[in-house]
Amino acid sequence: QLQFLESGGGLVQPGGSLKISCVASGATLDTYAIGWFRQAPGKEHEGVSCVSRRDGYQYSADSVKGRFTISRDNAKSTVSLQMYRLEPDDTAVYYCAAVFGDRLCDMTRLDYSAWGPGTQVTVSS
């Protein structure tokens, strides 16, 4: 059974950068599209970025477009999110999840699964 474990979160000053990663176990990643989501207190659960199973399609929410870059390494069972020019509004718990068989990636889907426990990203001066 596919499971994720996020890591790499921490405290970053506004304008700084941070890379968070999601390591998979229990299954290979090459048949899954992967998405990064985030949840902050008082805010709606948000799809941040996703990558298709073949790494041929990527999506980023308008709120992070141009600042965040998603990547995957199926051989290492890892999906990463490189975050640049972080803003206080980026503060949230970041989660990764998977959709089986999605040739692209659609963050509005309701069948994302294998949610990790999340990693906290705090952007504050």
N, C-alpha and C. Protein backbone atom coordinates (compact mmCIF):
# COMPACT_ATOMS: atom_id res chain seq x y z
N GLN A 1 0.85 -1.18 0.00
CA GLN A 1 0.00 0.00 0.00
C GLN A 1 0.89 1.24 0.00
N LEU A 2 0.61 2.14 -0.92
CA LEU A 2 1.41 3.34 -1.04
C LEU A 2 1.23 4.23 0.19
N GLN A 3 2.35 4.69 0.72
CA GLN A 3 2.35 5.61 1.85
C GLN A 3 3.40 6.68 1.61
N PHE A 4 3.12 7.87 2.12
CA PHE A 4 4.03 9.00 1.98
C PHE A 4 4.49 9.48 3.34
N LEU A 5 5.68 10.04 3.36
CA LEU A 5 6.21 10.70 4.53
C LEU A 5 6.89 11.99 4.08
N GLU A 6 6.34 13.12 4.50
CA GLU A 6 6.89 14.41 4.14
C GLU A 6 8.00 14.80 5.11
N SER A 7 8.92 15.61 4.61
CA SER A 7 9.99 16.12 5.45
C SER A 7 10.53 17.41 4.84
N GLY A 8 11.33 18.11 5.61
CA GLY A 8 12.00 19.30 5.12
C GLY A 8 11.39 20.61 5.53
N GLY A 9 10.27 20.59 6.22
CA GLY A 9 9.66 21.83 6.66
C GLY A 9 10.48 22.50 7.74
N GLY A 10 10.14 23.75 7.99
CA GLY A 10 10.84 24.51 9.00
C GLY A 10 10.45 25.96 8.97
N LEU A 11 11.24 26.76 9.68
CA LEU A 11 11.01 28.20 9.78
C LEU A 11 11.90 28.92 8.77
N VAL A 12 11.28 29.76 7.96
CA VAL A 12 11.99 30.50 6.92
C VAL A 12 11.55 31.95 6.96
N GLN A 13 12.47 32.85 6.73
CA GLN A 13 12.13 34.26 6.65
C GLN A 13 11.44 34.58 5.33
N PRO A 14 10.59 35.59 5.31
CA PRO A 14 9.99 35.99 4.04
C PRO A 14 11.05 36.26 2.99
N GLY A 15 10.79 35.79 1.78
CA GLY A 15 11.75 35.90 0.70
C GLY A 15 12.73 34.76 0.62
N GLY A 16 12.73 33.92 1.61
CA GLY A 16 13.64 32.80 1.63
C GLY A 16 13.15 31.63 0.81
N SER A 17 13.90 30.56 0.86
CA SER A 17 13.58 29.36 0.10
C SER A 17 13.64 28.13 0.99
N LEU A 18 12.98 27.11 0.54
CA LEU A 18 12.93 25.86 1.29
C LEU A 18 12.53 24.75 0.33
N LYS A 19 13.10 23.59 0.54
CA LYS A 19 12.74 22.42 -0.25
C LYS A 19 12.18 21.36 0.67
N ILE A 20 10.98 20.94 0.37
CA ILE A 20 10.36 19.86 1.11
C ILE A 20 10.24 18.64 0.20
N SER A 21 10.27 17.48 0.81
CA SER A 21 10.26 16.25 0.05
C SER A 21 9.23 15.28 0.61
N CYS A 22 8.86 14.36 -0.24
CA CYS A 22 7.88 13.35 0.11
C CYS A 22 8.41 12.02 -0.37
N VAL A 23 8.69 11.13 0.55
CA VAL A 23 9.24 9.82 0.24
C VAL A 23 8.13 8.79 0.29
N ALA A 24 8.04 7.99 -0.75
CA ALA A 24 7.00 6.98 -0.85
C ALA A 24 7.53 5.61 -0.47
N SER A 25 6.64 4.81 0.04
CA SER A 25 6.94 3.42 0.33
C SER A 25 5.72 2.58 0.00
N GLY A 26 5.94 1.30 -0.21
CA GLY A 26 4.83 0.39 -0.44
C GLY A 26 4.44 0.18 -1.88
N ALA A 27 4.87 1.06 -2.77
CA ALA A 27 4.55 0.94 -4.18
C ALA A 27 5.48 1.85 -4.97
N THR A 28 5.63 1.55 -6.24
CA THR A 28 6.40 2.42 -7.11
C THR A 28 5.53 3.61 -7.52
N LEU A 29 6.19 4.70 -7.87
CA LEU A 29 5.49 5.94 -8.15
C LEU A 29 5.12 6.14 -9.62
N ASP A 30 5.64 5.33 -10.50
CA ASP A 30 5.50 5.63 -11.92
C ASP A 30 4.08 5.48 -12.47
N THR A 31 3.17 4.99 -11.68
CA THR A 31 1.77 4.89 -12.11
C THR A 31 0.87 5.90 -11.40
N TYR A 32 1.46 6.83 -10.67
CA TYR A 32 0.70 7.80 -9.89
C TYR A 32 1.04 9.23 -10.28
N ALA A 33 0.02 10.04 -10.40
CA ALA A 33 0.21 11.48 -10.35
C ALA A 33 0.30 11.90 -8.89
N ILE A 34 1.14 12.89 -8.60
CA ILE A 34 1.40 13.30 -7.23
C ILE A 34 1.05 14.77 -7.07
N GLY A 35 0.40 15.09 -5.98
CA GLY A 35 0.06 16.46 -5.69
C GLY A 35 0.56 16.89 -4.32
N TRP A 36 0.94 18.15 -4.23
CA TRP A 36 1.24 18.81 -2.96
C TRP A 36 0.05 19.70 -2.60
N PHE A 37 -0.41 19.55 -1.37
CA PHE A 37 -1.50 20.35 -0.84
C PHE A 37 -1.04 21.03 0.43
N ARG A 38 -1.79 22.03 0.85
CA ARG A 38 -1.46 22.68 2.11
C ARG A 38 -2.73 23.10 2.84
N GLN A 39 -2.58 23.16 4.15
CA GLN A 39 -3.68 23.54 5.02
C GLN A 39 -3.15 24.46 6.11
N ALA A 40 -3.73 25.64 6.21
CA ALA A 40 -3.38 26.59 7.25
C ALA A 40 -4.61 26.88 8.08
N PRO A 41 -4.43 27.19 9.37
CA PRO A 41 -5.58 27.51 10.22
C PRO A 41 -6.41 28.64 9.64
N GLY A 42 -7.70 28.43 9.57
CA GLY A 42 -8.60 29.44 9.07
C GLY A 42 -8.64 29.58 7.57
N LYS A 43 -7.92 28.74 6.86
CA LYS A 43 -7.89 28.81 5.41
C LYS A 43 -8.39 27.50 4.80
N GLU A 44 -8.84 27.61 3.59
CA GLU A 44 -9.34 26.45 2.88
C GLU A 44 -8.18 25.55 2.45
N HIS A 45 -8.44 24.27 2.49
CA HIS A 45 -7.47 23.32 1.97
C HIS A 45 -7.18 23.64 0.51
N GLU A 46 -5.91 23.73 0.17
CA GLU A 46 -5.51 24.23 -1.13
C GLU A 46 -4.59 23.26 -1.85
N GLY A 47 -4.88 23.01 -3.10
CA GLY A 47 -3.96 22.29 -3.95
C GLY A 47 -2.87 23.23 -4.43
N VAL A 48 -1.64 22.89 -4.17
CA VAL A 48 -0.51 23.77 -4.44
C VAL A 48 0.11 23.48 -5.80
N SER A 49 0.46 22.24 -6.02
CA SER A 49 1.15 21.87 -7.24
C SER A 49 1.03 20.37 -7.44
N CYS A 50 1.09 19.94 -8.69
CA CYS A 50 1.02 18.52 -8.97
C CYS A 50 1.85 18.20 -10.20
N VAL A 51 2.18 16.94 -10.33
CA VAL A 51 2.97 16.46 -11.45
C VAL A 51 2.38 15.14 -11.92
N SER A 52 2.32 14.98 -13.24
CA SER A 52 1.76 13.77 -13.81
C SER A 52 2.67 12.59 -13.57
N ARG A 53 2.13 11.41 -13.83
CA ARG A 53 2.87 10.19 -13.52
C ARG A 53 4.13 10.04 -14.35
N ARG A 54 4.15 10.62 -15.53
CA ARG A 54 5.31 10.55 -16.40
C ARG A 54 6.13 11.82 -16.39
N ASP A 55 5.82 12.71 -15.49
CA ASP A 55 6.55 13.97 -15.32
C ASP A 55 6.48 14.84 -16.57
N GLY A 56 5.44 14.65 -17.36
CA GLY A 56 5.29 15.44 -18.57
C GLY A 56 4.37 16.63 -18.43
N TYR A 57 3.66 16.69 -17.33
CA TYR A 57 2.72 17.77 -17.09
C TYR A 57 2.83 18.21 -15.64
N GLN A 58 2.86 19.51 -15.43
CA GLN A 58 2.92 20.07 -14.09
C GLN A 58 1.92 21.21 -13.97
N TYR A 59 1.41 21.36 -12.78
CA TYR A 59 0.46 22.42 -12.49
C TYR A 59 0.85 23.10 -11.19
N SER A 60 0.68 24.40 -11.16
CA SER A 60 0.87 25.16 -9.94
C SER A 60 -0.28 26.13 -9.76
N ALA A 61 -0.75 26.25 -8.55
CA ALA A 61 -1.80 27.20 -8.25
C ALA A 61 -1.31 28.62 -8.49
N ASP A 62 -2.25 29.51 -8.80
CA ASP A 62 -1.87 30.89 -9.07
C ASP A 62 -1.13 31.51 -7.89
N SER A 63 -1.46 31.09 -6.69
CA SER A 63 -0.85 31.67 -5.51
C SER A 63 0.63 31.37 -5.39
N VAL A 64 1.10 30.32 -6.06
CA VAL A 64 2.50 29.93 -5.97
C VAL A 64 3.19 29.88 -7.32
N LYS A 65 2.47 30.13 -8.37
CA LYS A 65 3.03 30.03 -9.71
C LYS A 65 4.24 30.95 -9.86
N GLY A 66 5.30 30.38 -10.40
CA GLY A 66 6.53 31.12 -10.56
C GLY A 66 7.44 31.10 -9.36
N ARG A 67 6.95 30.61 -8.23
CA ARG A 67 7.74 30.54 -7.01
C ARG A 67 8.03 29.12 -6.56
N PHE A 68 7.12 28.21 -6.84
CA PHE A 68 7.27 26.82 -6.42
C PHE A 68 7.50 25.94 -7.65
N THR A 69 8.34 24.93 -7.49
CA THR A 69 8.62 23.98 -8.55
C THR A 69 8.53 22.57 -8.01
N ILE A 70 7.71 21.76 -8.64
CA ILE A 70 7.56 20.38 -8.23
C ILE A 70 8.43 19.50 -9.12
N SER A 71 8.94 18.44 -8.55
CA SER A 71 9.73 17.48 -9.31
C SER A 71 9.56 16.10 -8.69
N ARG A 72 9.85 15.10 -9.48
CA ARG A 72 9.73 13.74 -8.99
C ARG A 72 10.89 12.90 -9.49
N ASP A 73 11.26 11.94 -8.69
CA ASP A 73 12.29 10.98 -9.03
C ASP A 73 11.72 9.61 -8.67
N ASN A 74 11.14 8.97 -9.66
CA ASN A 74 10.48 7.70 -9.40
C ASN A 74 11.46 6.63 -8.92
N ALA A 75 12.67 6.68 -9.43
CA ALA A 75 13.67 5.70 -9.02
C ALA A 75 13.99 5.81 -7.54
N LYS A 76 13.93 7.03 -7.01
CA LYS A 76 14.19 7.26 -5.60
C LYS A 76 12.92 7.36 -4.78
N SER A 77 11.79 7.13 -5.42
CA SER A 77 10.49 7.16 -4.74
C SER A 77 10.27 8.48 -4.00
N THR A 78 10.65 9.56 -4.65
CA THR A 78 10.62 10.86 -4.00
C THR A 78 9.97 11.91 -4.89
N VAL A 79 9.17 12.74 -4.28
CA VAL A 79 8.60 13.93 -4.91
C VAL A 79 8.98 15.12 -4.06
N SER A 80 9.44 16.17 -4.71
CA SER A 80 9.91 17.34 -3.98
C SER A 80 9.17 18.59 -4.41
N LEU A 81 9.17 19.56 -3.53
CA LEU A 81 8.61 20.87 -3.83
C LEU A 81 9.65 21.90 -3.42
N GLN A 82 10.25 22.54 -4.41
CA GLN A 82 11.21 23.60 -4.17
C GLN A 82 10.46 24.92 -4.12
N MET A 83 10.56 25.62 -3.01
CA MET A 83 9.82 26.84 -2.78
C MET A 83 10.79 28.01 -2.70
N TYR A 84 10.52 29.04 -3.49
CA TYR A 84 11.31 30.25 -3.51
C TYR A 84 10.44 31.45 -3.15
N ARG A 85 11.09 32.50 -2.73
CA ARG A 85 10.41 33.76 -2.41
C ARG A 85 9.18 33.51 -1.54
N LEU A 86 9.42 32.81 -0.48
CA LEU A 86 8.33 32.44 0.41
C LEU A 86 7.71 33.66 1.07
N GLU A 87 6.42 33.58 1.27
CA GLU A 87 5.64 34.66 1.85
C GLU A 87 4.95 34.16 3.11
N PRO A 88 4.61 35.06 4.01
CA PRO A 88 3.90 34.62 5.22
C PRO A 88 2.64 33.82 4.93
N ASP A 89 1.95 34.14 3.84
CA ASP A 89 0.74 33.40 3.50
C ASP A 89 1.02 31.97 3.06
N ASP A 90 2.28 31.64 2.83
CA ASP A 90 2.64 30.27 2.51
C ASP A 90 2.72 29.39 3.75
N THR A 91 2.62 29.98 4.91
CA THR A 91 2.67 29.21 6.14
C THR A 91 1.51 28.22 6.19
N ALA A 92 1.85 26.96 6.34
CA ALA A 92 0.84 25.92 6.34
C ALA A 92 1.52 24.59 6.62
N VAL A 93 0.69 23.58 6.84
CA VAL A 93 1.16 22.21 6.82
C VAL A 93 1.02 21.72 5.38
N TYR A 94 2.09 21.19 4.85
CA TYR A 94 2.12 20.73 3.48
C TYR A 94 2.04 19.21 3.43
N TYR A 95 1.18 18.73 2.57
CA TYR A 95 0.93 17.31 2.43
C TYR A 95 1.15 16.88 0.98
N CYS A 96 1.56 15.65 0.80
CA CYS A 96 1.56 15.08 -0.53
C CYS A 96 0.58 13.92 -0.58
N ALA A 97 0.05 13.69 -1.76
CA ALA A 97 -0.92 12.64 -1.97
C ALA A 97 -0.83 12.18 -3.42
N ALA A 98 -1.50 11.08 -3.73
CA ALA A 98 -1.36 10.45 -5.03
C ALA A 98 -2.70 10.11 -5.64
N VAL A 99 -2.73 10.10 -6.97
CA VAL A 99 -3.87 9.63 -7.73
C VAL A 99 -3.36 8.58 -8.71
N PHE A 100 -3.92 7.40 -8.63
CA PHE A 100 -3.49 6.32 -9.49
C PHE A 100 -3.95 6.54 -10.92
N GLY A 101 -3.05 6.36 -11.86
CA GLY A 101 -3.39 6.31 -13.26
C GLY A 101 -3.68 7.63 -13.94
N ASP A 102 -3.51 8.74 -13.25
CA ASP A 102 -3.78 10.04 -13.85
C ASP A 102 -2.64 10.42 -14.78
N ARG A 103 -2.95 10.51 -16.06
CA ARG A 103 -1.91 10.85 -17.04
C ARG A 103 -1.49 12.30 -16.95
N LEU A 104 -2.36 13.13 -16.45
CA LEU A 104 -2.01 14.51 -16.18
C LEU A 104 -2.00 14.66 -14.66
N CYS A 105 -2.59 15.71 -14.15
CA CYS A 105 -2.89 15.81 -12.74
C CYS A 105 -3.98 16.85 -12.55
N ASP A 106 -4.97 16.51 -11.78
CA ASP A 106 -6.11 17.36 -11.53
C ASP A 106 -6.29 17.46 -10.03
N MET A 107 -6.01 18.62 -9.48
CA MET A 107 -6.05 18.79 -8.03
C MET A 107 -7.45 18.94 -7.47
N THR A 108 -8.43 19.01 -8.34
CA THR A 108 -9.82 19.06 -7.88
C THR A 108 -10.40 17.68 -7.68
N ARG A 109 -9.68 16.66 -8.06
CA ARG A 109 -10.18 15.30 -7.87
C ARG A 109 -10.37 14.99 -6.39
N LEU A 110 -11.35 14.16 -6.13
CA LEU A 110 -11.67 13.80 -4.75
C LEU A 110 -11.04 12.48 -4.32
N ASP A 111 -10.32 11.84 -5.22
CA ASP A 111 -9.79 10.52 -4.92
C ASP A 111 -8.29 10.49 -4.67
N TYR A 112 -7.72 11.62 -4.34
CA TYR A 112 -6.33 11.60 -3.88
C TYR A 112 -6.26 10.76 -2.61
N SER A 113 -5.21 9.99 -2.52
CA SER A 113 -5.08 9.07 -1.41
C SER A 113 -3.62 9.01 -0.96
N ALA A 114 -3.38 8.14 -0.01
CA ALA A 114 -2.03 7.93 0.55
C ALA A 114 -1.45 9.21 1.13
N TRP A 115 -2.28 9.99 1.76
CA TRP A 115 -1.85 11.25 2.36
C TRP A 115 -0.79 11.01 3.42
N GLY A 116 0.26 11.80 3.35
CA GLY A 116 1.25 11.75 4.40
C GLY A 116 0.80 12.54 5.60
N PRO A 117 1.58 12.48 6.68
CA PRO A 117 1.23 13.23 7.89
C PRO A 117 1.48 14.73 7.79
N GLY A 118 2.20 15.16 6.79
CA GLY A 118 2.43 16.57 6.57
C GLY A 118 3.72 17.06 7.20
N THR A 119 4.19 18.20 6.69
CA THR A 119 5.35 18.87 7.25
C THR A 119 5.03 20.36 7.36
N GLN A 120 5.38 20.95 8.49
CA GLN A 120 5.04 22.34 8.76
C GLN A 120 6.05 23.28 8.12
N VAL A 121 5.54 24.23 7.37
CA VAL A 121 6.33 25.31 6.81
C VAL A 121 5.84 26.61 7.42
N THR A 122 6.73 27.32 8.07
CA THR A 122 6.39 28.59 8.70
C THR A 122 7.26 29.69 8.11
N VAL A 123 6.61 30.72 7.60
CA VAL A 123 7.32 31.84 6.99
C VAL A 123 7.07 33.06 7.86
N SER A 124 8.11 33.50 8.53
CA SER A 124 7.96 34.60 9.47
C SER A 124 9.31 35.26 9.69
N SER A 125 9.27 36.57 9.89
CA SER A 125 10.48 37.30 10.18
C SER A 125 10.73 37.35 11.67
